[in-house]
Amino acid sequence: MNKLEGLLQARPQNDIWWGKQEHRPARPAVATGIPRLDELLAGGGWPIGALSELLTTSTGSGAMRLLAPALATLSQHQRRWVALIAPPFQPCAAAFVEWGINLNRLLIVHPRDREQYAWALEQALRTGACSTVLAWPEDGLDNTRLRRLQLAARQGKSCGFLIRPRSCMRQSSPAAVRIALRASPRGVHIEIVKRQGGWPMAAFEAAFSEIQTAIH
């Protein structure tokens, strides 16, 4: 056995993708509620124990509507928190209820400063108390910090969602999934920039009516 073969055998198989495979063995996942998107993501949905990035042009790009089915599933079926870290909007309880999100499992955190923000985000992912952590970081996340958050999500078995400006697409990221979003008249355009075990995908449109049906 040469050194390369020994190294490959020593590594967890989930951490290695072989060129002959269409998809490598996937982490556990929660369905997005959009069949076409689930088919394109390894494991059939948003990865659990990993980061996913939604890259948007504005707060109205449809990110929350896209995430609503997963938030509903996790808040209804797990006794862990769905944490929103410094949301840039006033969460609407009526909308969350309509989407099927259990408000009793919803936790909203408003850190006082940048240092507290970074600490709250990492701890929410790491402790295991949260099934889901959503954050809207605009800057200050270099590759080292992103790797810490990816490791924290793995340790806490949390779904970590970072909703970031589309300009961050130029930055490399250890996130398992990266999706670029922009609003469309019927719903949202989805472009898969990065996914486990597969190539990026051209944009396609998901209608809000399709997402809403999946929630109910």
C-alpha atoms as a PDB file:
ATOM      1  CA  MET A   1       0.000   0.000   0.000  1.00  0.00           C
ATOM      2  CA  ASN A   2       1.453   3.389  -0.971  1.00  0.00           C
ATOM      3  CA  LYS A   3       1.162   6.559   1.131  1.00  0.00           C
ATOM      4  CA  LEU A   4      -1.784   7.924  -0.863  1.00  0.00           C
ATOM      5  CA  GLU A   5      -3.806   4.735  -0.465  1.00  0.00           C
ATOM      6  CA  GLY A   6      -3.078   4.702   3.256  1.00  0.00           C
ATOM      7  CA  LEU A   7      -4.182   8.330   3.600  1.00  0.00           C
ATOM      8  CA  LEU A   8      -7.425   7.719   1.696  1.00  0.00           C
ATOM      9  CA  GLN A   9      -8.306   4.709   3.811  1.00  0.00           C
ATOM     10  CA  ALA A  10      -7.642   6.676   6.982  1.00  0.00           C
ATOM     11  CA  ARG A  11     -10.012   9.504   6.008  1.00  0.00           C
ATOM     12  CA  PRO A  12     -13.801   9.306   6.664  1.00  0.00           C
ATOM     13  CA  GLN A  13     -15.474   8.409   3.379  1.00  0.00           C
ATOM     14  CA  ASN A  14     -17.914  11.313   3.677  1.00  0.00           C
ATOM     15  CA  ASP A  15     -14.942  13.687   3.362  1.00  0.00           C
ATOM     16  CA  ILE A  16     -13.767  12.292   0.015  1.00  0.00           C
ATOM     17  CA  TRP A  17     -15.383  12.678  -3.389  1.00  0.00           C
ATOM     18  CA  TRP A  18     -14.185  10.393  -6.173  1.00  0.00           C
ATOM     19  CA  GLY A  19     -14.322  11.627  -9.764  1.00  0.00           C
ATOM     20  CA  LYS A  20     -16.240   8.543 -10.906  1.00  0.00           C
ATOM     21  CA  GLN A  21     -19.069   9.258  -8.430  1.00  0.00           C
ATOM     22  CA  GLU A  22     -22.020  11.501  -9.293  1.00  0.00           C
ATOM     23  CA  HIS A  23     -22.641  12.039  -5.588  1.00  0.00           C
ATOM     24  CA  ARG A  24     -20.468  11.083  -2.662  1.00  0.00           C
ATOM     25  CA  PRO A  25     -22.056   9.593   0.487  1.00  0.00           C
ATOM     26  CA  ALA A  26     -24.182  12.369   1.921  1.00  0.00           C
ATOM     27  CA  ARG A  27     -24.727  13.788   5.369  1.00  0.00           C
ATOM     28  CA  PRO A  28     -28.242  13.645   6.834  1.00  0.00           C
ATOM     29  CA  ALA A  29     -30.456  16.310   5.300  1.00  0.00           C
ATOM     30  CA  VAL A  30     -33.823  18.014   5.678  1.00  0.00           C
ATOM     31  CA  ALA A  31     -35.962  18.392   2.555  1.00  0.00           C
ATOM     32  CA  THR A  32     -36.152  21.863   1.024  1.00  0.00           C
ATOM     33  CA  GLY A  33     -39.790  21.337   0.043  1.00  0.00           C
ATOM     34  CA  ILE A  34     -38.917  21.841  -3.638  1.00  0.00           C
ATOM     35  CA  PRO A  35     -38.582  18.434  -5.352  1.00  0.00           C
ATOM     36  CA  ARG A  36     -36.288  19.689  -8.113  1.00  0.00           C
ATOM     37  CA  LEU A  37     -33.902  21.278  -5.623  1.00  0.00           C
ATOM     38  CA  ASP A  38     -33.960  18.186  -3.378  1.00  0.00           C
ATOM     39  CA  GLU A  39     -32.975  16.033  -6.364  1.00  0.00           C
ATOM     40  CA  LEU A  40     -29.930  18.225  -7.012  1.00  0.00           C
ATOM     41  CA  LEU A  41     -28.630  18.315  -3.424  1.00  0.00           C
ATOM     42  CA  ALA A  42     -26.753  15.370  -1.939  1.00  0.00           C
ATOM     43  CA  GLY A  43     -28.897  13.646   0.670  1.00  0.00           C
ATOM     44  CA  GLY A  44     -32.077  15.143  -0.775  1.00  0.00           C
ATOM     45  CA  GLY A  45     -32.079  18.532   0.923  1.00  0.00           C
ATOM     46  CA  TRP A  46     -30.265  21.008   3.159  1.00  0.00           C
ATOM     47  CA  PRO A  47     -27.364  19.231   4.896  1.00  0.00           C
ATOM     48  CA  ILE A  48     -27.599  18.723   8.661  1.00  0.00           C
ATOM     49  CA  GLY A  49     -24.329  19.307  10.476  1.00  0.00           C
ATOM     50  CA  ALA A  50     -23.045  21.747   7.867  1.00  0.00           C
ATOM     51  CA  LEU A  51     -23.278  25.307   6.583  1.00  0.00           C
ATOM     52  CA  SER A  52     -25.407  26.376   3.632  1.00  0.00           C
ATOM     53  CA  GLU A  53     -25.006  29.843   2.119  1.00  0.00           C
ATOM     54  CA  LEU A  54     -27.760  31.785   0.387  1.00  0.00           C
ATOM     55  CA  LEU A  55     -26.246  34.595  -1.655  1.00  0.00           C
ATOM     56  CA  THR A  56     -28.768  37.352  -2.323  1.00  0.00           C
ATOM     57  CA  THR A  57     -28.985  40.780  -3.886  1.00  0.00           C
ATOM     58  CA  SER A  58     -31.348  42.126  -1.213  1.00  0.00           C
ATOM     59  CA  THR A  59     -33.380  41.121   1.837  1.00  0.00           C
ATOM     60  CA  GLY A  60     -36.374  40.625  -0.489  1.00  0.00           C
ATOM     61  CA  SER A  61     -34.782  37.920  -2.630  1.00  0.00           C
ATOM     62  CA  GLY A  62     -36.979  35.159  -1.228  1.00  0.00           C
ATOM     63  CA  ALA A  63     -34.473  33.493   1.118  1.00  0.00           C
ATOM     64  CA  MET A  64     -36.881  33.160   4.055  1.00  0.00           C
ATOM     65  CA  ARG A  65     -39.654  31.756   1.858  1.00  0.00           C
ATOM     66  CA  LEU A  66     -37.183  29.255   0.421  1.00  0.00           C
ATOM     67  CA  LEU A  67     -36.081  28.146   3.890  1.00  0.00           C
ATOM     68  CA  ALA A  68     -39.587  28.046   5.380  1.00  0.00           C
ATOM     69  CA  PRO A  69     -40.335  24.339   4.663  1.00  0.00           C
ATOM     70  CA  ALA A  70     -37.124  23.231   6.384  1.00  0.00           C
ATOM     71  CA  LEU A  71     -37.748  25.551   9.343  1.00  0.00           C
ATOM     72  CA  ALA A  72     -41.267  24.180   9.667  1.00  0.00           C
ATOM     73  CA  THR A  73     -40.056  20.574   9.607  1.00  0.00           C
ATOM     74  CA  LEU A  74     -37.280  21.111  12.134  1.00  0.00           C
ATOM     75  CA  SER A  75     -39.340  23.253  14.512  1.00  0.00           C
ATOM     76  CA  GLN A  76     -42.232  20.764  14.498  1.00  0.00           C
ATOM     77  CA  HIS A  77     -40.220  17.549  14.806  1.00  0.00           C
ATOM     78  CA  GLN A  78     -37.281  18.466  17.032  1.00  0.00           C
ATOM     79  CA  ARG A  79     -37.201  19.778  20.579  1.00  0.00           C
ATOM     80  CA  ARG A  80     -34.373  22.137  19.697  1.00  0.00           C
ATOM     81  CA  TRP A  81     -34.374  25.840  18.901  1.00  0.00           C
ATOM     82  CA  VAL A  82     -34.606  27.536  15.535  1.00  0.00           C
ATOM     83  CA  ALA A  83     -32.307  30.503  16.154  1.00  0.00           C
ATOM     84  CA  LEU A  84     -32.282  33.750  14.172  1.00  0.00           C
ATOM     85  CA  ILE A  85     -29.127  35.750  14.853  1.00  0.00           C
ATOM     86  CA  ALA A  86     -29.642  39.508  14.321  1.00  0.00           C
ATOM     87  CA  PRO A  87     -32.278  39.319  11.565  1.00  0.00           C
ATOM     88  CA  PRO A  88     -32.320  42.538   9.473  1.00  0.00           C
ATOM     89  CA  PHE A  89     -36.139  42.673   9.666  1.00  0.00           C
ATOM     90  CA  GLN A  90     -38.874  42.425  12.263  1.00  0.00           C
ATOM     91  CA  PRO A  91     -39.986  38.756  12.174  1.00  0.00           C
ATOM     92  CA  CYS A  92     -43.711  38.446  11.468  1.00  0.00           C
ATOM     93  CA  ALA A  93     -45.270  35.882  13.808  1.00  0.00           C
ATOM     94  CA  ALA A  94     -48.375  35.516  11.604  1.00  0.00           C
ATOM     95  CA  ALA A  95     -46.267  34.673   8.554  1.00  0.00           C
ATOM     96  CA  PHE A  96     -44.213  32.152  10.503  1.00  0.00           C
ATOM     97  CA  VAL A  97     -47.369  30.452  11.755  1.00  0.00           C
ATOM     98  CA  GLU A  98     -48.790  30.367   8.210  1.00  0.00           C
ATOM     99  CA  TRP A  99     -45.569  28.709   7.035  1.00  0.00           C
ATOM    100  CA  GLY A 100     -45.947  26.041   9.721  1.00  0.00           C
ATOM    101  CA  ILE A 101     -43.076  27.193  11.950  1.00  0.00           C
ATOM    102  CA  ASN A 102     -43.564  26.387  15.638  1.00  0.00           C
ATOM    103  CA  LEU A 103     -43.135  29.709  17.465  1.00  0.00           C
ATOM    104  CA  ASN A 104     -42.480  27.859  20.726  1.00  0.00           C
ATOM    105  CA  ARG A 105     -39.187  26.677  19.263  1.00  0.00           C
ATOM    106  CA  LEU A 106     -38.189  30.065  17.804  1.00  0.00           C
ATOM    107  CA  LEU A 107     -35.291  31.982  19.373  1.00  0.00           C
ATOM    108  CA  ILE A 108     -34.292  35.472  18.201  1.00  0.00           C
ATOM    109  CA  VAL A 109     -30.899  36.800  19.312  1.00  0.00           C
ATOM    110  CA  HIS A 110     -29.844  40.449  19.031  1.00  0.00           C
ATOM    111  CA  PRO A 111     -26.113  40.707  19.870  1.00  0.00           C
ATOM    112  CA  ARG A 112     -24.865  44.073  21.107  1.00  0.00           C
ATOM    113  CA  ASP A 113     -21.748  44.289  18.959  1.00  0.00           C
ATOM    114  CA  ARG A 114     -19.691  42.509  16.327  1.00  0.00           C
ATOM    115  CA  GLU A 115     -17.694  40.459  18.831  1.00  0.00           C
ATOM    116  CA  GLN A 116     -20.846  39.241  20.575  1.00  0.00           C
ATOM    117  CA  TYR A 117     -22.396  38.504  17.171  1.00  0.00           C
ATOM    118  CA  ALA A 118     -19.533  36.200  16.189  1.00  0.00           C
ATOM    119  CA  TRP A 119     -19.628  34.462  19.563  1.00  0.00           C
ATOM    120  CA  ALA A 120     -23.418  33.965  19.525  1.00  0.00           C
ATOM    121  CA  LEU A 121     -23.384  32.549  15.995  1.00  0.00           C
ATOM    122  CA  GLU A 122     -20.631  30.038  16.697  1.00  0.00           C
ATOM    123  CA  GLN A 123     -22.062  28.928  20.041  1.00  0.00           C
ATOM    124  CA  ALA A 124     -25.585  28.509  18.655  1.00  0.00           C
ATOM    125  CA  LEU A 125     -24.177  26.146  16.026  1.00  0.00           C
ATOM    126  CA  ARG A 126     -21.815  24.288  18.334  1.00  0.00           C
ATOM    127  CA  THR A 127     -23.815  23.548  21.487  1.00  0.00           C
ATOM    128  CA  GLY A 128     -26.428  21.271  19.924  1.00  0.00           C
ATOM    129  CA  ALA A 129     -29.262  23.285  21.460  1.00  0.00           C
ATOM    130  CA  CYS A 130     -30.358  24.537  18.011  1.00  0.00           C
ATOM    131  CA  SER A 131     -31.595  22.442  15.123  1.00  0.00           C
ATOM    132  CA  THR A 132     -31.215  25.458  12.858  1.00  0.00           C
ATOM    133  CA  VAL A 133     -29.248  28.702  12.994  1.00  0.00           C
ATOM    134  CA  LEU A 134     -29.887  31.573  10.565  1.00  0.00           C
ATOM    135  CA  ALA A 135     -27.591  34.575  10.336  1.00  0.00           C
ATOM    136  CA  TRP A 136     -27.165  37.538   7.988  1.00  0.00           C
ATOM    137  CA  PRO A 137     -23.457  38.458   8.190  1.00  0.00           C
ATOM    138  CA  GLU A 138     -22.552  41.274   5.824  1.00  0.00           C
ATOM    139  CA  ASP A 139     -18.791  41.268   6.302  1.00  0.00           C
ATOM    140  CA  GLY A 140     -16.017  40.092   8.561  1.00  0.00           C
ATOM    141  CA  LEU A 141     -16.288  36.391   7.666  1.00  0.00           C
ATOM    142  CA  ASP A 142     -12.948  35.288   6.296  1.00  0.00           C
ATOM    143  CA  ASN A 143     -12.191  31.701   5.372  1.00  0.00           C
ATOM    144  CA  THR A 144     -10.829  30.930   8.830  1.00  0.00           C
ATOM    145  CA  ARG A 145     -14.034  32.112  10.507  1.00  0.00           C
ATOM    146  CA  LEU A 146     -16.172  30.210   8.003  1.00  0.00           C
ATOM    147  CA  ARG A 147     -14.243  27.016   8.731  1.00  0.00           C
ATOM    148  CA  ARG A 148     -14.853  27.512  12.449  1.00  0.00           C
ATOM    149  CA  LEU A 149     -18.569  27.877  11.782  1.00  0.00           C
ATOM    150  CA  GLN A 150     -18.587  24.812   9.524  1.00  0.00           C
ATOM    151  CA  LEU A 151     -16.886  22.789  12.276  1.00  0.00           C
ATOM    152  CA  ALA A 152     -19.301  24.185  14.877  1.00  0.00           C
ATOM    153  CA  ALA A 153     -22.306  23.132  12.767  1.00  0.00           C
ATOM    154  CA  ARG A 154     -20.859  19.644  12.439  1.00  0.00           C
ATOM    155  CA  GLN A 155     -20.260  19.366  16.183  1.00  0.00           C
ATOM    156  CA  GLY A 156     -23.743  20.616  17.038  1.00  0.00           C
ATOM    157  CA  LYS A 157     -25.466  18.639  14.259  1.00  0.00           C
ATOM    158  CA  SER A 158     -27.142  21.903  13.259  1.00  0.00           C
ATOM    159  CA  CYS A 159     -28.347  23.274   9.952  1.00  0.00           C
ATOM    160  CA  GLY A 160     -26.417  26.513   9.594  1.00  0.00           C
ATOM    161  CA  PHE A 161     -27.782  29.032   7.098  1.00  0.00           C
ATOM    162  CA  LEU A 162     -25.776  32.146   6.249  1.00  0.00           C
ATOM    163  CA  ILE A 163     -27.690  34.685   4.158  1.00  0.00           C
ATOM    164  CA  ARG A 164     -24.962  36.814   2.621  1.00  0.00           C
ATOM    165  CA  PRO A 165     -24.633  39.456  -0.107  1.00  0.00           C
ATOM    166  CA  ARG A 166     -24.234  38.083  -3.616  1.00  0.00           C
ATOM    167  CA  SER A 167     -20.867  39.829  -3.825  1.00  0.00           C
ATOM    168  CA  CYS A 168     -19.516  37.132  -1.466  1.00  0.00           C
ATOM    169  CA  MET A 169     -19.799  34.639  -4.326  1.00  0.00           C
ATOM    170  CA  ARG A 170     -16.237  35.589  -5.329  1.00  0.00           C
ATOM    171  CA  GLN A 171     -14.967  34.425  -1.934  1.00  0.00           C
ATOM    172  CA  SER A 172     -14.129  30.754  -1.466  1.00  0.00           C
ATOM    173  CA  SER A 173     -16.103  29.033   1.264  1.00  0.00           C
ATOM    174  CA  PRO A 174     -16.090  25.662   3.058  1.00  0.00           C
ATOM    175  CA  ALA A 175     -19.924  25.664   3.152  1.00  0.00           C
ATOM    176  CA  ALA A 176     -21.406  22.398   1.899  1.00  0.00           C
ATOM    177  CA  VAL A 177     -24.008  24.222  -0.229  1.00  0.00           C
ATOM    178  CA  ARG A 178     -23.924  27.683  -1.817  1.00  0.00           C
ATOM    179  CA  ILE A 179     -26.993  28.984  -3.642  1.00  0.00           C
ATOM    180  CA  ALA A 180     -27.420  32.344  -5.367  1.00  0.00           C
ATOM    181  CA  LEU A 181     -30.930  33.804  -5.269  1.00  0.00           C
ATOM    182  CA  ARG A 182     -32.753  36.613  -6.987  1.00  0.00           C
ATOM    183  CA  ALA A 183     -36.424  37.497  -6.951  1.00  0.00           C
ATOM    184  CA  SER A 184     -38.618  36.764  -9.971  1.00  0.00           C
ATOM    185  CA  PRO A 185     -42.231  37.725 -10.720  1.00  0.00           C
ATOM    186  CA  ARG A 186     -43.534  34.276  -9.726  1.00  0.00           C
ATOM    187  CA  GLY A 187     -41.061  33.347  -7.015  1.00  0.00           C
ATOM    188  CA  VAL A 188     -37.299  33.044  -6.905  1.00  0.00           C
ATOM    189  CA  HIS A 189     -34.483  32.149  -9.286  1.00  0.00           C
ATOM    190  CA  ILE A 190     -32.153  29.536  -7.767  1.00  0.00           C
ATOM    191  CA  GLU A 191     -28.593  28.992  -8.976  1.00  0.00           C
ATOM    192  CA  ILE A 192     -26.568  26.246  -7.296  1.00  0.00           C
ATOM    193  CA  VAL A 193     -23.049  27.643  -7.013  1.00  0.00           C
ATOM    194  CA  LYS A 194     -21.688  24.753  -4.931  1.00  0.00           C
ATOM    195  CA  ARG A 195     -23.070  21.405  -3.800  1.00  0.00           C
ATOM    196  CA  GLN A 196     -21.635  18.246  -2.322  1.00  0.00           C
ATOM    197  CA  GLY A 197     -20.660  15.613  -4.849  1.00  0.00           C
ATOM    198  CA  GLY A 198     -21.706  17.499  -7.966  1.00  0.00           C
ATOM    199  CA  TRP A 199     -21.026  20.383 -10.305  1.00  0.00           C
ATOM    200  CA  PRO A 200     -22.673  23.827 -10.062  1.00  0.00           C
ATOM    201  CA  MET A 201     -26.026  24.088 -11.820  1.00  0.00           C
ATOM    202  CA  ALA A 202     -27.630  26.692 -14.043  1.00  0.00           C
ATOM    203  CA  ALA A 203     -30.428  28.798 -12.551  1.00  0.00           C
ATOM    204  CA  PHE A 204     -34.013  27.612 -12.475  1.00  0.00           C
ATOM    205  CA  GLU A 205     -37.168  29.207 -11.102  1.00  0.00           C
ATOM    206  CA  ALA A 206     -39.204  27.993  -8.140  1.00  0.00           C
ATOM    207  CA  ALA A 207     -42.669  29.485  -7.837  1.00  0.00           C
ATOM    208  CA  PHE A 208     -43.771  30.687  -4.407  1.00  0.00           C
ATOM    209  CA  SER A 209     -46.976  28.686  -4.870  1.00  0.00           C
ATOM    210  CA  GLU A 210     -44.874  25.526  -5.209  1.00  0.00           C
ATOM    211  CA  ILE A 211     -42.977  26.317  -2.012  1.00  0.00           C
ATOM    212  CA  GLN A 212     -46.171  27.171  -0.131  1.00  0.00           C
ATOM    213  CA  THR A 213     -47.770  23.884  -1.175  1.00  0.00           C
ATOM    214  CA  ALA A 214     -44.744  22.038   0.171  1.00  0.00           C
ATOM    215  CA  ILE A 215     -45.128  23.780   3.550  1.00  0.00           C
ATOM    216  CA  HIS A 216     -48.754  22.792   3.971  1.00  0.00           C
END
